[in-house]
Amino acid sequence: MDRPIKPGPPYELARAALARQVRLDTFRASGPGGQHLHKTESAVRLTHLPSGVVVTASDTRSQARNREIAFERLAERLQRLNRRPKPRRPTRPTRGARERRLESKKRHSATKRLRSSRHES
């Protein structure tokens, strides 16, 4: 089976656009819910073709409600994929920060020096 070429983000998040870009499969859910759940195909699986993201919903006994839940989950996942982190820029410590760090090291060093001179005698 040939996999579709995945164009990168940003992906559409509007419900109508998502409905055109997904393959919807229904299947029998497992778990609690009784005869109504086990005899009907109420679970929904959505496959977003451009990204390859797959989400399922078998939370309720209603296929329509499960479809809405699946679309919500798909939109959340695509929103996370759309997010582009800001590029990190290298920075240097300021002169004041450098001086404070050196001063702190000098104080610490002096404390240790005083400790060792007491035990030598």
PDB file of N, CA and C in Angstrom:
ATOM      1  N   MET A   1       0.846  -1.183   0.000  1.00  0.00           N
ATOM      2  CA  MET A   1       0.000   0.000   0.000  1.00  0.00           C
ATOM      3  C   MET A   1       0.885   1.238   0.000  1.00  0.00           C
ATOM      4  N   ASP A   2       0.672   2.125  -0.936  1.00  0.00           N
ATOM      5  CA  ASP A   2       1.449   3.367  -1.004  1.00  0.00           C
ATOM      6  C   ASP A   2       0.909   4.363   0.010  1.00  0.00           C
ATOM      7  N   ARG A   3       1.809   4.909   0.782  1.00  0.00           N
ATOM      8  CA  ARG A   3       1.403   5.935   1.758  1.00  0.00           C
ATOM      9  C   ARG A   3       1.391   7.285   1.057  1.00  0.00           C
ATOM     10  N   PRO A   4       0.418   8.123   1.399  1.00  0.00           N
ATOM     11  CA  PRO A   4       0.386   9.449   0.765  1.00  0.00           C
ATOM     12  C   PRO A   4       1.563  10.294   1.228  1.00  0.00           C
ATOM     13  N   ILE A   5       2.012  11.181   0.354  1.00  0.00           N
ATOM     14  CA  ILE A   5       3.098  12.091   0.721  1.00  0.00           C
ATOM     15  C   ILE A   5       2.549  13.076   1.728  1.00  0.00           C
ATOM     16  N   LYS A   6       3.276  13.264   2.827  1.00  0.00           N
ATOM     17  CA  LYS A   6       2.782  14.106   3.910  1.00  0.00           C
ATOM     18  C   LYS A   6       3.278  15.534   3.769  1.00  0.00           C
ATOM     19  N   PRO A   7       2.414  16.440   3.311  1.00  0.00           N
ATOM     20  CA  PRO A   7       2.839  17.839   3.362  1.00  0.00           C
ATOM     21  C   PRO A   7       2.862  18.273   4.827  1.00  0.00           C
ATOM     22  N   GLY A   8       3.781  19.120   5.175  1.00  0.00           N
ATOM     23  CA  GLY A   8       3.935  19.522   6.563  1.00  0.00           C
ATOM     24  C   GLY A   8       2.877  20.487   7.029  1.00  0.00           C
ATOM     25  N   PRO A   9       2.958  20.849   8.294  1.00  0.00           N
ATOM     26  CA  PRO A   9       2.012  21.818   8.845  1.00  0.00           C
ATOM     27  C   PRO A   9       2.186  23.160   8.166  1.00  0.00           C
ATOM     28  N   PRO A  10       1.306  24.089   8.256  1.00  0.00           N
ATOM     29  CA  PRO A  10       0.112  24.054   9.099  1.00  0.00           C
ATOM     30  C   PRO A  10      -1.034  23.288   8.447  1.00  0.00           C
ATOM     31  N   TYR A  11      -1.776  22.548   9.289  1.00  0.00           N
ATOM     32  CA  TYR A  11      -2.934  21.798   8.825  1.00  0.00           C
ATOM     33  C   TYR A  11      -4.199  22.597   9.138  1.00  0.00           C
ATOM     34  N   GLU A  12      -5.204  22.435   8.298  1.00  0.00           N
ATOM     35  CA  GLU A  12      -6.506  23.085   8.517  1.00  0.00           C
ATOM     36  C   GLU A  12      -7.135  22.533   9.778  1.00  0.00           C
ATOM     37  N   LEU A  13      -7.790  23.387  10.568  1.00  0.00           N
ATOM     38  CA  LEU A  13      -8.445  22.935  11.796  1.00  0.00           C
ATOM     39  C   LEU A  13      -9.959  23.106  11.741  1.00  0.00           C
ATOM     40  N   ALA A  14     -10.476  23.750  10.697  1.00  0.00           N
ATOM     41  CA  ALA A  14     -11.922  23.955  10.584  1.00  0.00           C
ATOM     42  C   ALA A  14     -12.611  22.610  10.382  1.00  0.00           C
ATOM     43  N   ARG A  15     -13.764  22.456  10.989  1.00  0.00           N
ATOM     44  CA  ARG A  15     -14.479  21.167  10.960  1.00  0.00           C
ATOM     45  C   ARG A  15     -14.805  20.737   9.534  1.00  0.00           C
ATOM     46  N   ALA A  16     -15.268  21.674   8.705  1.00  0.00           N
ATOM     47  CA  ALA A  16     -15.639  21.341   7.322  1.00  0.00           C
ATOM     48  C   ALA A  16     -14.413  20.885   6.525  1.00  0.00           C
ATOM     49  N   ALA A  17     -13.285  21.565   6.714  1.00  0.00           N
ATOM     50  CA  ALA A  17     -12.061  21.191   6.005  1.00  0.00           C
ATOM     51  C   ALA A  17     -11.570  19.825   6.481  1.00  0.00           C
ATOM     52  N   LEU A  18     -11.655  19.592   7.786  1.00  0.00           N
ATOM     53  CA  LEU A  18     -11.225  18.295   8.323  1.00  0.00           C
ATOM     54  C   LEU A  18     -12.087  17.166   7.768  1.00  0.00           C
ATOM     55  N   ALA A  19     -13.379  17.405   7.673  1.00  0.00           N
ATOM     56  CA  ALA A  19     -14.301  16.373   7.180  1.00  0.00           C
ATOM     57  C   ALA A  19     -13.926  15.938   5.768  1.00  0.00           C
ATOM     58  N   ARG A  20     -13.403  16.857   4.960  1.00  0.00           N
ATOM     59  CA  ARG A  20     -13.000  16.512   3.585  1.00  0.00           C
ATOM     60  C   ARG A  20     -11.678  15.748   3.554  1.00  0.00           C
ATOM     61  N   GLN A  21     -10.854  15.906   4.592  1.00  0.00           N
ATOM     62  CA  GLN A  21      -9.499  15.341   4.570  1.00  0.00           C
ATOM     63  C   GLN A  21      -9.354  14.042   5.352  1.00  0.00           C
ATOM     64  N   VAL A  22     -10.457  13.498   5.884  1.00  0.00           N
ATOM     65  CA  VAL A  22     -10.333  12.294   6.718  1.00  0.00           C
ATOM     66  C   VAL A  22     -11.031  11.104   6.094  1.00  0.00           C
ATOM     67  N   ARG A  23     -10.550   9.923   6.486  1.00  0.00           N
ATOM     68  CA  ARG A  23     -11.268   8.682   6.188  1.00  0.00           C
ATOM     69  C   ARG A  23     -11.930   8.260   7.484  1.00  0.00           C
ATOM     70  N   LEU A  24     -13.240   8.009   7.446  1.00  0.00           N
ATOM     71  CA  LEU A  24     -13.999   7.669   8.640  1.00  0.00           C
ATOM     72  C   LEU A  24     -14.314   6.178   8.614  1.00  0.00           C
ATOM     73  N   ASP A  25     -13.915   5.465   9.666  1.00  0.00           N
ATOM     74  CA  ASP A  25     -14.228   4.043   9.798  1.00  0.00           C
ATOM     75  C   ASP A  25     -15.042   3.855  11.060  1.00  0.00           C
ATOM     76  N   THR A  26     -16.026   2.962  10.996  1.00  0.00           N
ATOM     77  CA  THR A  26     -16.783   2.622  12.193  1.00  0.00           C
ATOM     78  C   THR A  26     -16.511   1.164  12.516  1.00  0.00           C
ATOM     79  N   PHE A  27     -16.524   0.842  13.806  1.00  0.00           N
ATOM     80  CA  PHE A  27     -16.291  -0.533  14.230  1.00  0.00           C
ATOM     81  C   PHE A  27     -16.973  -0.764  15.561  1.00  0.00           C
ATOM     82  N   ARG A  28     -17.040  -2.013  15.964  1.00  0.00           N
ATOM     83  CA  ARG A  28     -17.677  -2.347  17.233  1.00  0.00           C
ATOM     84  C   ARG A  28     -16.727  -2.035  18.368  1.00  0.00           C
ATOM     85  N   ALA A  29     -17.251  -1.317  19.335  1.00  0.00           N
ATOM     86  CA  ALA A  29     -16.436  -0.943  20.492  1.00  0.00           C
ATOM     87  C   ALA A  29     -16.391  -2.104  21.469  1.00  0.00           C
ATOM     88  N   SER A  30     -15.384  -2.067  22.343  1.00  0.00           N
ATOM     89  CA  SER A  30     -15.306  -3.060  23.411  1.00  0.00           C
ATOM     90  C   SER A  30     -15.469  -2.329  24.726  1.00  0.00           C
ATOM     91  N   GLY A  31     -15.583  -3.087  25.784  1.00  0.00           N
ATOM     92  CA  GLY A  31     -15.695  -2.471  27.101  1.00  0.00           C
ATOM     93  C   GLY A  31     -17.126  -2.440  27.586  1.00  0.00           C
ATOM     94  N   PRO A  32     -17.367  -1.723  28.697  1.00  0.00           N
ATOM     95  CA  PRO A  32     -18.708  -1.709  29.271  1.00  0.00           C
ATOM     96  C   PRO A  32     -19.688  -0.945  28.376  1.00  0.00           C
ATOM     97  N   GLY A  33     -20.955  -1.289  28.470  1.00  0.00           N
ATOM     98  CA  GLY A  33     -21.967  -0.601  27.679  1.00  0.00           C
ATOM     99  C   GLY A  33     -23.101  -1.512  27.295  1.00  0.00           C
ATOM    100  N   GLY A  34     -22.945  -2.788  27.524  1.00  0.00           N
ATOM    101  CA  GLY A  34     -24.042  -3.722  27.321  1.00  0.00           C
ATOM    102  C   GLY A  34     -24.273  -4.103  25.882  1.00  0.00           C
ATOM    103  N   GLN A  35     -25.432  -4.731  25.674  1.00  0.00           N
ATOM    104  CA  GLN A  35     -25.768  -5.300  24.375  1.00  0.00           C
ATOM    105  C   GLN A  35     -25.825  -4.233  23.282  1.00  0.00           C
ATOM    106  N   HIS A  36     -26.342  -3.053  23.612  1.00  0.00           N
ATOM    107  CA  HIS A  36     -26.464  -2.003  22.596  1.00  0.00           C
ATOM    108  C   HIS A  36     -25.086  -1.646  22.035  1.00  0.00           C
ATOM    109  N   LEU A  37     -24.094  -1.560  22.902  1.00  0.00           N
ATOM    110  CA  LEU A  37     -22.740  -1.198  22.470  1.00  0.00           C
ATOM    111  C   LEU A  37     -22.122  -2.315  21.627  1.00  0.00           C
ATOM    112  N   HIS A  38     -22.317  -3.563  22.056  1.00  0.00           N
ATOM    113  CA  HIS A  38     -21.641  -4.681  21.396  1.00  0.00           C
ATOM    114  C   HIS A  38     -22.285  -5.085  20.067  1.00  0.00           C
ATOM    115  N   LYS A  39     -23.545  -4.713  19.850  1.00  0.00           N
ATOM    116  CA  LYS A  39     -24.215  -5.117  18.612  1.00  0.00           C
ATOM    117  C   LYS A  39     -24.159  -4.055  17.523  1.00  0.00           C
ATOM    118  N   THR A  40     -23.757  -2.830  17.878  1.00  0.00           N
ATOM    119  CA  THR A  40     -23.735  -1.759  16.882  1.00  0.00           C
ATOM    120  C   THR A  40     -22.304  -1.306  16.632  1.00  0.00           C
ATOM    121  N   GLU A  41     -22.090  -0.742  15.488  1.00  0.00           N
ATOM    122  CA  GLU A  41     -20.763  -0.202  15.170  1.00  0.00           C
ATOM    123  C   GLU A  41     -20.732   1.263  15.587  1.00  0.00           C
ATOM    124  N   SER A  42     -20.565   1.492  16.886  1.00  0.00           N
ATOM    125  CA  SER A  42     -20.655   2.858  17.403  1.00  0.00           C
ATOM    126  C   SER A  42     -19.292   3.517  17.585  1.00  0.00           C
ATOM    127  N   ALA A  43     -18.211   2.762  17.553  1.00  0.00           N
ATOM    128  CA  ALA A  43     -16.884   3.362  17.701  1.00  0.00           C
ATOM    129  C   ALA A  43     -16.457   3.967  16.362  1.00  0.00           C
ATOM    130  N   VAL A  44     -15.688   5.057  16.431  1.00  0.00           N
ATOM    131  CA  VAL A  44     -15.293   5.794  15.230  1.00  0.00           C
ATOM    132  C   VAL A  44     -13.779   5.934  15.195  1.00  0.00           C
ATOM    133  N   ARG A  45     -13.199   5.725  14.014  1.00  0.00           N
ATOM    134  CA  ARG A  45     -11.767   5.943  13.801  1.00  0.00           C
ATOM    135  C   ARG A  45     -11.622   6.929  12.659  1.00  0.00           C
ATOM    136  N   LEU A  46     -10.898   8.016  12.904  1.00  0.00           N
ATOM    137  CA  LEU A  46     -10.646   9.013  11.869  1.00  0.00           C
ATOM    138  C   LEU A  46      -9.178   8.964  11.481  1.00  0.00           C
ATOM    139  N   THR A  47      -8.908   8.895  10.190  1.00  0.00           N
ATOM    140  CA  THR A  47      -7.535   8.938   9.696  1.00  0.00           C
ATOM    141  C   THR A  47      -7.377  10.214   8.887  1.00  0.00           C
ATOM    142  N   HIS A  48      -6.512  11.114   9.350  1.00  0.00           N
ATOM    143  CA  HIS A  48      -6.269  12.371   8.636  1.00  0.00           C
ATOM    144  C   HIS A  48      -5.257  12.069   7.541  1.00  0.00           C
ATOM    145  N   LEU A  49      -5.699  12.095   6.318  1.00  0.00           N
ATOM    146  CA  LEU A  49      -4.857  11.657   5.207  1.00  0.00           C
ATOM    147  C   LEU A  49      -3.615  12.525   4.975  1.00  0.00           C
ATOM    148  N   PRO A  50      -3.694  13.864   5.044  1.00  0.00           N
ATOM    149  CA  PRO A  50      -2.483  14.657   4.808  1.00  0.00           C
ATOM    150  C   PRO A  50      -1.370  14.416   5.831  1.00  0.00           C
ATOM    151  N   SER A  51      -1.725  14.146   7.099  1.00  0.00           N
ATOM    152  CA  SER A  51      -0.690  14.005   8.130  1.00  0.00           C
ATOM    153  C   SER A  51      -0.487  12.566   8.567  1.00  0.00           C
ATOM    154  N   GLY A  52      -1.457  11.697   8.327  1.00  0.00           N
ATOM    155  CA  GLY A  52      -1.348  10.319   8.785  1.00  0.00           C
ATOM    156  C   GLY A  52      -1.759  10.131  10.238  1.00  0.00           C
ATOM    157  N   VAL A  53      -2.301  11.152  10.881  1.00  0.00           N
ATOM    158  CA  VAL A  53      -2.724  11.059  12.278  1.00  0.00           C
ATOM    159  C   VAL A  53      -4.009  10.238  12.351  1.00  0.00           C
ATOM    160  N   VAL A  54      -4.065   9.300  13.317  1.00  0.00           N
ATOM    161  CA  VAL A  54      -5.243   8.462  13.507  1.00  0.00           C
ATOM    162  C   VAL A  54      -5.768   8.674  14.921  1.00  0.00           C
ATOM    163  N   VAL A  55      -7.069   8.940  15.059  1.00  0.00           N
ATOM    164  CA  VAL A  55      -7.695   9.058  16.376  1.00  0.00           C
ATOM    165  C   VAL A  55      -8.928   8.161  16.412  1.00  0.00           C
ATOM    166  N   THR A  56      -9.228   7.639  17.593  1.00  0.00           N
ATOM    167  CA  THR A  56     -10.416   6.813  17.760  1.00  0.00           C
ATOM    168  C   THR A  56     -11.239   7.354  18.914  1.00  0.00           C
ATOM    169  N   ALA A  57     -12.539   7.057  18.871  1.00  0.00           N
ATOM    170  CA  ALA A  57     -13.437   7.414  19.965  1.00  0.00           C
ATOM    171  C   ALA A  57     -14.458   6.304  20.111  1.00  0.00           C
ATOM    172  N   SER A  58     -14.492   5.700  21.273  1.00  0.00           N
ATOM    173  CA  SER A  58     -15.514   4.692  21.581  1.00  0.00           C
ATOM    174  C   SER A  58     -16.036   4.957  22.983  1.00  0.00           C
ATOM    175  N   ASP A  59     -16.151   6.251  23.316  1.00  0.00           N
ATOM    176  CA  ASP A  59     -16.507   6.653  24.678  1.00  0.00           C
ATOM    177  C   ASP A  59     -17.984   6.432  24.987  1.00  0.00           C
ATOM    178  N   THR A  60     -18.855   6.679  24.016  1.00  0.00           N
ATOM    179  CA  THR A  60     -20.288   6.600  24.273  1.00  0.00           C
ATOM    180  C   THR A  60     -20.918   5.535  23.390  1.00  0.00           C
ATOM    181  N   ARG A  61     -22.224   5.291  23.611  1.00  0.00           N
ATOM    182  CA  ARG A  61     -22.927   4.292  22.792  1.00  0.00           C
ATOM    183  C   ARG A  61     -23.451   4.913  21.506  1.00  0.00           C
ATOM    184  N   SER A  62     -23.280   6.226  21.356  1.00  0.00           N
ATOM    185  CA  SER A  62     -23.795   6.931  20.185  1.00  0.00           C
ATOM    186  C   SER A  62     -22.675   7.159  19.165  1.00  0.00           C
ATOM    187  N   GLN A  63     -22.893   6.681  17.953  1.00  0.00           N
ATOM    188  CA  GLN A  63     -21.881   6.878  16.915  1.00  0.00           C
ATOM    189  C   GLN A  63     -21.718   8.359  16.588  1.00  0.00           C
ATOM    190  N   ALA A  64     -22.822   9.109  16.569  1.00  0.00           N
ATOM    191  CA  ALA A  64     -22.751  10.540  16.246  1.00  0.00           C
ATOM    192  C   ALA A  64     -21.913  11.277  17.289  1.00  0.00           C
ATOM    193  N   ARG A  65     -22.138  10.958  18.568  1.00  0.00           N
ATOM    194  CA  ARG A  65     -21.363  11.612  19.641  1.00  0.00           C
ATOM    195  C   ARG A  65     -19.894  11.201  19.549  1.00  0.00           C
ATOM    196  N   ASN A  66     -19.640   9.920  19.267  1.00  0.00           N
ATOM    197  CA  ASN A  66     -18.251   9.459  19.129  1.00  0.00           C
ATOM    198  C   ASN A  66     -17.555  10.158  17.965  1.00  0.00           C
ATOM    199  N   ARG A  67     -18.297  10.427  16.884  1.00  0.00           N
ATOM    200  CA  ARG A  67     -17.715  11.113  15.730  1.00  0.00           C
ATOM    201  C   ARG A  67     -17.294  12.525  16.126  1.00  0.00           C
ATOM    202  N   GLU A  68     -18.154  13.215  16.877  1.00  0.00           N
ATOM    203  CA  GLU A  68     -17.818  14.573  17.328  1.00  0.00           C
ATOM    204  C   GLU A  68     -16.596  14.554  18.244  1.00  0.00           C
ATOM    205  N   ILE A  69     -16.540  13.589  19.149  1.00  0.00           N
ATOM    206  CA  ILE A  69     -15.394  13.467  20.066  1.00  0.00           C
ATOM    207  C   ILE A  69     -14.119  13.222  19.266  1.00  0.00           C
ATOM    208  N   ALA A  70     -14.210  12.355  18.253  1.00  0.00           N
ATOM    209  CA  ALA A  70     -13.037  12.044  17.426  1.00  0.00           C
ATOM    210  C   ALA A  70     -12.556  13.283  16.668  1.00  0.00           C
ATOM    211  N   PHE A  71     -13.489  14.074  16.135  1.00  0.00           N
ATOM    212  CA  PHE A  71     -13.092  15.295  15.424  1.00  0.00           C
ATOM    213  C   PHE A  71     -12.429  16.289  16.383  1.00  0.00           C
ATOM    214  N   GLU A  72     -12.934  16.374  17.618  1.00  0.00           N
ATOM    215  CA  GLU A  72     -12.306  17.258  18.613  1.00  0.00           C
ATOM    216  C   GLU A  72     -10.873  16.807  18.907  1.00  0.00           C
ATOM    217  N   ARG A  73     -10.711  15.504  19.086  1.00  0.00           N
ATOM    218  CA  ARG A  73      -9.366  14.966  19.372  1.00  0.00           C
ATOM    219  C   ARG A  73      -8.421  15.201  18.198  1.00  0.00           C
ATOM    220  N   LEU A  74      -8.931  15.015  16.994  1.00  0.00           N
ATOM    221  CA  LEU A  74      -8.097  15.226  15.809  1.00  0.00           C
ATOM    222  C   LEU A  74      -7.664  16.691  15.722  1.00  0.00           C
ATOM    223  N   ALA A  75      -8.593  17.612  15.981  1.00  0.00           N
ATOM    224  CA  ALA A  75      -8.249  19.038  15.926  1.00  0.00           C
ATOM    225  C   ALA A  75      -7.173  19.373  16.964  1.00  0.00           C
ATOM    226  N   GLU A  76      -7.281  18.781  18.169  1.00  0.00           N
ATOM    227  CA  GLU A  76      -6.266  19.027  19.204  1.00  0.00           C
ATOM    228  C   GLU A  76      -4.895  18.527  18.760  1.00  0.00           C
ATOM    229  N   ARG A  77      -4.859  17.304  18.200  1.00  0.00           N
ATOM    230  CA  ARG A  77      -3.580  16.734  17.764  1.00  0.00           C
ATOM    231  C   ARG A  77      -2.958  17.574  16.649  1.00  0.00           C
ATOM    232  N   LEU A  78      -3.783  18.009  15.688  1.00  0.00           N
ATOM    233  CA  LEU A  78      -3.264  18.810  14.579  1.00  0.00           C
ATOM    234  C   LEU A  78      -2.802  20.174  15.072  1.00  0.00           C
ATOM    235  N   GLN A  79      -3.487  20.712  16.080  1.00  0.00           N
ATOM    236  CA  GLN A  79      -3.078  21.996  16.642  1.00  0.00           C
ATOM    237  C   GLN A  79      -1.680  21.864  17.253  1.00  0.00           C
ATOM    238  N   ARG A  80      -1.437  20.727  17.938  1.00  0.00           N
ATOM    239  CA  ARG A  80      -0.089  20.502  18.503  1.00  0.00           C
ATOM    240  C   ARG A  80       0.948  20.364  17.396  1.00  0.00           C
ATOM    241  N   LEU A  81       0.570  19.713  16.292  1.00  0.00           N
ATOM    242  CA  LEU A  81       1.505  19.571  15.163  1.00  0.00           C
ATOM    243  C   LEU A  81       1.768  20.912  14.490  1.00  0.00           C
ATOM    244  N   ASN A  82       0.766  21.791  14.485  1.00  0.00           N
ATOM    245  CA  ASN A  82       0.918  23.106  13.848  1.00  0.00           C
ATOM    246  C   ASN A  82       1.858  24.014  14.622  1.00  0.00           C
ATOM    247  N   ARG A  83       1.997  23.780  15.910  1.00  0.00           N
ATOM    248  CA  ARG A  83       2.797  24.677  16.751  1.00  0.00           C
ATOM    249  C   ARG A  83       4.272  24.597  16.361  1.00  0.00           C
ATOM    250  N   ARG A  84       4.854  25.720  16.086  1.00  0.00           N
ATOM    251  CA  ARG A  84       6.276  25.793  15.752  1.00  0.00           C
ATOM    252  C   ARG A  84       6.978  26.501  16.897  1.00  0.00           C
ATOM    253  N   PRO A  85       7.924  25.843  17.558  1.00  0.00           N
ATOM    254  CA  PRO A  85       8.621  26.504  18.661  1.00  0.00           C
ATOM    255  C   PRO A  85       9.485  27.650  18.146  1.00  0.00           C
ATOM    256  N   LYS A  86       9.603  28.689  18.964  1.00  0.00           N
ATOM    257  CA  LYS A  86      10.435  29.818  18.572  1.00  0.00           C
ATOM    258  C   LYS A  86      11.886  29.367  18.546  1.00  0.00           C
ATOM    259  N   PRO A  87      12.656  29.800  17.561  1.00  0.00           N
ATOM    260  CA  PRO A  87      14.061  29.394  17.520  1.00  0.00           C
ATOM    261  C   PRO A  87      14.819  29.982  18.708  1.00  0.00           C
ATOM    262  N   ARG A  88      15.674  29.182  19.301  1.00  0.00           N
ATOM    263  CA  ARG A  88      16.450  29.647  20.441  1.00  0.00           C
ATOM    264  C   ARG A  88      17.649  30.426  19.939  1.00  0.00           C
ATOM    265  N   ARG A  89      17.942  31.520  20.627  1.00  0.00           N
ATOM    266  CA  ARG A  89      19.066  32.355  20.212  1.00  0.00           C
ATOM    267  C   ARG A  89      20.112  32.309  21.313  1.00  0.00           C
ATOM    268  N   PRO A  90      21.350  32.055  20.949  1.00  0.00           N
ATOM    269  CA  PRO A  90      22.383  31.986  21.968  1.00  0.00           C
ATOM    270  C   PRO A  90      22.590  33.356  22.621  1.00  0.00           C
ATOM    271  N   THR A  91      22.742  33.357  23.933  1.00  0.00           N
ATOM    272  CA  THR A  91      22.962  34.612  24.655  1.00  0.00           C
ATOM    273  C   THR A  91      24.212  34.478  25.500  1.00  0.00           C
ATOM    274  N   ARG A  92      24.744  35.611  25.923  1.00  0.00           N
ATOM    275  CA  ARG A  92      25.915  35.627  26.791  1.00  0.00           C
ATOM    276  C   ARG A  92      25.528  36.292  28.094  1.00  0.00           C
ATOM    277  N   PRO A  93      26.157  35.878  29.208  1.00  0.00           N
ATOM    278  CA  PRO A  93      25.850  36.551  30.467  1.00  0.00           C
ATOM    279  C   PRO A  93      26.324  37.996  30.433  1.00  0.00           C
ATOM    280  N   THR A  94      25.605  38.858  31.148  1.00  0.00           N
ATOM    281  CA  THR A  94      25.988  40.268  31.199  1.00  0.00           C
ATOM    282  C   THR A  94      27.250  40.423  32.041  1.00  0.00           C
ATOM    283  N   ARG A  95      27.866  41.575  31.930  1.00  0.00           N
ATOM    284  CA  ARG A  95      29.095  41.830  32.691  1.00  0.00           C
ATOM    285  C   ARG A  95      28.818  41.765  34.192  1.00  0.00           C
ATOM    286  N   GLY A  96      27.691  42.336  34.599  1.00  0.00           N
ATOM    287  CA  GLY A  96      27.320  42.312  36.018  1.00  0.00           C
ATOM    288  C   GLY A  96      27.139  40.891  36.531  1.00  0.00           C
ATOM    289  N   ALA A  97      26.498  40.052  35.724  1.00  0.00           N
ATOM    290  CA  ALA A  97      26.275  38.660  36.128  1.00  0.00           C
ATOM    291  C   ALA A  97      27.605  37.930  36.248  1.00  0.00           C
ATOM    292  N   ARG A  98      28.521  38.210  35.318  1.00  0.00           N
ATOM    293  CA  ARG A  98      29.850  37.575  35.371  1.00  0.00           C
ATOM    294  C   ARG A  98      30.583  37.994  36.643  1.00  0.00           C
ATOM    295  N   GLU A  99      30.523  39.293  36.952  1.00  0.00           N
ATOM    296  CA  GLU A  99      31.216  39.798  38.148  1.00  0.00           C
ATOM    297  C   GLU A  99      30.606  39.207  39.419  1.00  0.00           C
ATOM    298  N   ARG A 100      29.276  39.103  39.477  1.00  0.00           N
ATOM    299  CA  ARG A 100      28.623  38.527  40.663  1.00  0.00           C
ATOM    300  C   ARG A 100      29.023  37.069  40.844  1.00  0.00           C
ATOM    301  N   ARG A 101      29.091  36.325  39.740  1.00  0.00           N
ATOM    302  CA  ARG A 101      29.467  34.909  39.832  1.00  0.00           C
ATOM    303  C   ARG A 101      30.897  34.779  40.341  1.00  0.00           C
ATOM    304  N   LEU A 102      31.818  35.610  39.815  1.00  0.00           N
ATOM    305  CA  LEU A 102      33.215  35.548  40.254  1.00  0.00           C
ATOM    306  C   LEU A 102      33.345  35.935  41.723  1.00  0.00           C
ATOM    307  N   GLU A 103      32.573  36.940  42.133  1.00  0.00           N
ATOM    308  CA  GLU A 103      32.611  37.370  43.539  1.00  0.00           C
ATOM    309  C   GLU A 103      32.140  36.244  44.444  1.00  0.00           C
ATOM    310  N   SER A 104      31.094  35.562  44.039  1.00  0.00           N
ATOM    311  CA  SER A 104      30.568  34.449  44.817  1.00  0.00           C
ATOM    312  C   SER A 104      31.600  33.320  44.911  1.00  0.00           C
ATOM    313  N   LYS A 105      32.278  33.044  43.805  1.00  0.00           N
ATOM    314  CA  LYS A 105      33.311  32.002  43.816  1.00  0.00           C
ATOM    315  C   LYS A 105      34.456  32.377  44.741  1.00  0.00           C
ATOM    316  N   LYS A 106      34.827  33.659  44.739  1.00  0.00           N
ATOM    317  CA  LYS A 106      35.916  34.110  45.613  1.00  0.00           C
ATOM    318  C   LYS A 106      35.538  33.935  47.077  1.00  0.00           C
ATOM    319  N   ARG A 107      34.279  34.290  47.429  1.00  0.00           N
ATOM    320  CA  ARG A 107      33.818  34.127  48.813  1.00  0.00           C
ATOM    321  C   ARG A 107      33.839  32.659  49.226  1.00  0.00           C
ATOM    322  N   HIS A 108      33.350  31.807  48.347  1.00  0.00           N
ATOM    323  CA  HIS A 108      33.303  30.372  48.628  1.00  0.00           C
ATOM    324  C   HIS A 108      34.729  29.817  48.805  1.00  0.00           C
ATOM    325  N   SER A 109      35.613  30.264  47.937  1.00  0.00           N
ATOM    326  CA  SER A 109      37.007  29.823  47.999  1.00  0.00           C
ATOM    327  C   SER A 109      37.652  30.260  49.308  1.00  0.00           C
ATOM    328  N   ALA A 110      37.403  31.495  49.719  1.00  0.00           N
ATOM    329  CA  ALA A 110      37.982  32.004  50.956  1.00  0.00           C
ATOM    330  C   ALA A 110      37.473  31.196  52.147  1.00  0.00           C
ATOM    331  N   THR A 111      36.202  30.855  52.147  1.00  0.00           N
ATOM    332  CA  THR A 111      35.629  30.050  53.233  1.00  0.00           C
ATOM    333  C   THR A 111      36.328  28.704  53.317  1.00  0.00           C
ATOM    334  N   LYS A 112      36.532  28.063  52.180  1.00  0.00           N
ATOM    335  CA  LYS A 112      37.173  26.747  52.169  1.00  0.00           C
ATOM    336  C   LYS A 112      38.642  26.856  52.589  1.00  0.00           C
ATOM    337  N   ARG A 113      39.298  27.943  52.155  1.00  0.00           N
ATOM    338  CA  ARG A 113      40.699  28.148  52.530  1.00  0.00           C
ATOM    339  C   ARG A 113      40.835  28.282  54.045  1.00  0.00           C
ATOM    340  N   LEU A 114      39.912  29.025  54.654  1.00  0.00           N
ATOM    341  CA  LEU A 114      39.944  29.199  56.107  1.00  0.00           C
ATOM    342  C   LEU A 114      39.718  27.870  56.813  1.00  0.00           C
ATOM    343  N   ARG A 115      38.822  27.038  56.287  1.00  0.00           N
ATOM    344  CA  ARG A 115      38.556  25.727  56.889  1.00  0.00           C
ATOM    345  C   ARG A 115      39.798  24.861  56.876  1.00  0.00           C
ATOM    346  N   SER A 116      40.485  24.810  55.749  1.00  0.00           N
ATOM    347  CA  SER A 116      41.642  23.915  55.632  1.00  0.00           C
ATOM    348  C   SER A 116      42.805  24.385  56.476  1.00  0.00           C
ATOM    349  N   SER A 117      42.987  25.686  56.690  1.00  0.00           N
ATOM    350  CA  SER A 117      44.106  26.173  57.505  1.00  0.00           C
ATOM    351  C   SER A 117      43.893  25.823  58.978  1.00  0.00           C
ATOM    352  N   ARG A 118      42.669  25.703  59.445  1.00  0.00           N
ATOM    353  CA  ARG A 118      42.402  25.359  60.836  1.00  0.00           C
ATOM    354  C   ARG A 118      42.810  23.929  61.137  1.00  0.00           C
ATOM    355  N   HIS A 119      42.612  23.034  60.161  1.00  0.00           N
ATOM    356  CA  HIS A 119      42.883  21.617  60.402  1.00  0.00           C
ATOM    357  C   HIS A 119      44.330  21.234  60.161  1.00  0.00           C
ATOM    358  N   GLU A 120      45.121  22.088  59.588  1.00  0.00           N
ATOM    359  CA  GLU A 120      46.521  21.736  59.303  1.00  0.00           C
ATOM    360  C   GLU A 120      47.375  21.727  60.561  1.00  0.00           C
ATOM    361  N   SER A 121      47.085  22.535  61.555  1.00  0.00           N
ATOM    362  CA  SER A 121      47.957  22.632  62.710  1.00  0.00           C
ATOM    363  C   SER A 121      47.762  21.554  63.728  1.00  0.00           C
TER     364      SER A 121
END
